[in-house]
Amino acid sequence: MKNDAPVFGKYVKLIPTGEILKLKSYDPKSQLLEIELPTGGFSIVRWNEIDRITPNEELEFLRAKKKNSN
């Protein structure tokens, strides 16, 4: 079995909270991701603490984000 690095989109879901956050960077060697927090800060998490989001989740997230920025 091949152990490929996970593939993520622009946004990821933080498993413990279910929050959808913007992915800033991924280091495959350390398997750490830098994510942008809703407060504007950044956090480092391990890849197994996040999950990919579905297209529907991304659409809902972007709609809510746009609505809140108006």
Protein backbone atom coordinates (compact mmCIF):
# COMPACT_ATOMS: atom_id res chain seq x y z
CA MET A 1 0.00 0.00 0.00
CA LYS A 2 1.35 3.38 -0.98
CA ASN A 3 1.42 6.05 1.73
CA ASP A 4 0.58 9.18 -0.29
CA ALA A 5 0.38 12.63 1.23
CA PRO A 6 -3.17 13.86 1.72
CA VAL A 7 -4.61 16.15 -0.95
CA PHE A 8 -6.44 19.22 0.29
CA GLY A 9 -8.30 22.05 -1.35
CA LYS A 10 -8.25 25.71 -0.38
CA TYR A 11 -10.40 25.02 2.69
CA VAL A 12 -10.32 22.21 5.25
CA LYS A 13 -12.51 21.10 8.14
CA LEU A 14 -11.02 20.95 11.63
CA ILE A 15 -12.22 17.58 12.94
CA PRO A 16 -12.52 18.42 16.68
CA THR A 17 -14.74 21.48 16.08
CA GLY A 18 -16.16 20.97 12.59
CA GLU A 19 -15.02 24.48 11.62
CA ILE A 20 -14.11 25.13 8.00
CA LEU A 21 -10.86 27.05 7.77
CA LYS A 22 -8.57 28.34 5.03
CA LEU A 23 -5.48 26.23 4.39
CA LYS A 24 -2.32 28.35 4.17
CA SER A 25 0.38 25.70 3.73
CA TYR A 26 1.18 22.01 4.11
CA ASP A 27 4.58 20.50 4.89
CA PRO A 28 4.55 16.86 3.70
CA LYS A 29 7.77 16.04 5.55
CA SER A 30 6.41 16.98 9.00
CA GLN A 31 2.75 16.42 7.99
CA LEU A 32 1.83 19.76 9.54
CA LEU A 33 -0.64 22.25 8.11
CA GLU A 34 -0.87 25.97 8.72
CA ILE A 35 -4.49 27.11 8.84
CA GLU A 36 -5.99 30.58 9.06
CA LEU A 37 -8.22 31.07 12.10
CA PRO A 38 -11.51 33.04 11.95
CA THR A 39 -9.85 35.68 14.16
CA GLY A 40 -7.21 36.29 11.47
CA GLY A 41 -4.40 34.47 13.25
CA PHE A 42 -2.77 31.21 12.22
CA SER A 43 -2.45 27.79 13.82
CA ILE A 44 -0.39 24.69 13.08
CA VAL A 45 -2.17 21.31 13.17
CA ARG A 46 -1.31 17.74 12.21
CA TRP A 47 -2.86 16.44 8.98
CA ASN A 48 -4.93 13.84 10.88
CA GLU A 49 -6.75 16.65 12.74
CA ILE A 50 -8.37 17.93 9.55
CA ASP A 51 -10.61 16.54 6.87
CA ARG A 52 -11.42 17.52 3.31
CA ILE A 53 -14.71 19.31 2.78
CA THR A 54 -17.33 18.42 0.23
CA PRO A 55 -18.22 20.81 -2.60
CA ASN A 56 -21.56 21.49 -0.88
CA GLU A 57 -19.84 22.34 2.41
CA GLU A 58 -17.48 24.71 0.57
CA LEU A 59 -20.38 26.39 -1.22
CA GLU A 60 -22.31 26.90 2.03
CA PHE A 61 -19.17 28.20 3.75
CA LEU A 62 -18.44 30.70 0.97
CA ARG A 63 -22.07 31.89 0.90
CA ALA A 64 -22.02 32.48 4.67
CA LYS A 65 -18.66 34.23 4.44
CA LYS A 66 -19.92 36.53 1.69
CA LYS A 67 -23.14 37.26 3.59
CA ASN A 68 -21.20 38.13 6.78
CA SER A 69 -18.84 40.46 4.92
CA ASN A 70 -21.71 42.59 3.56
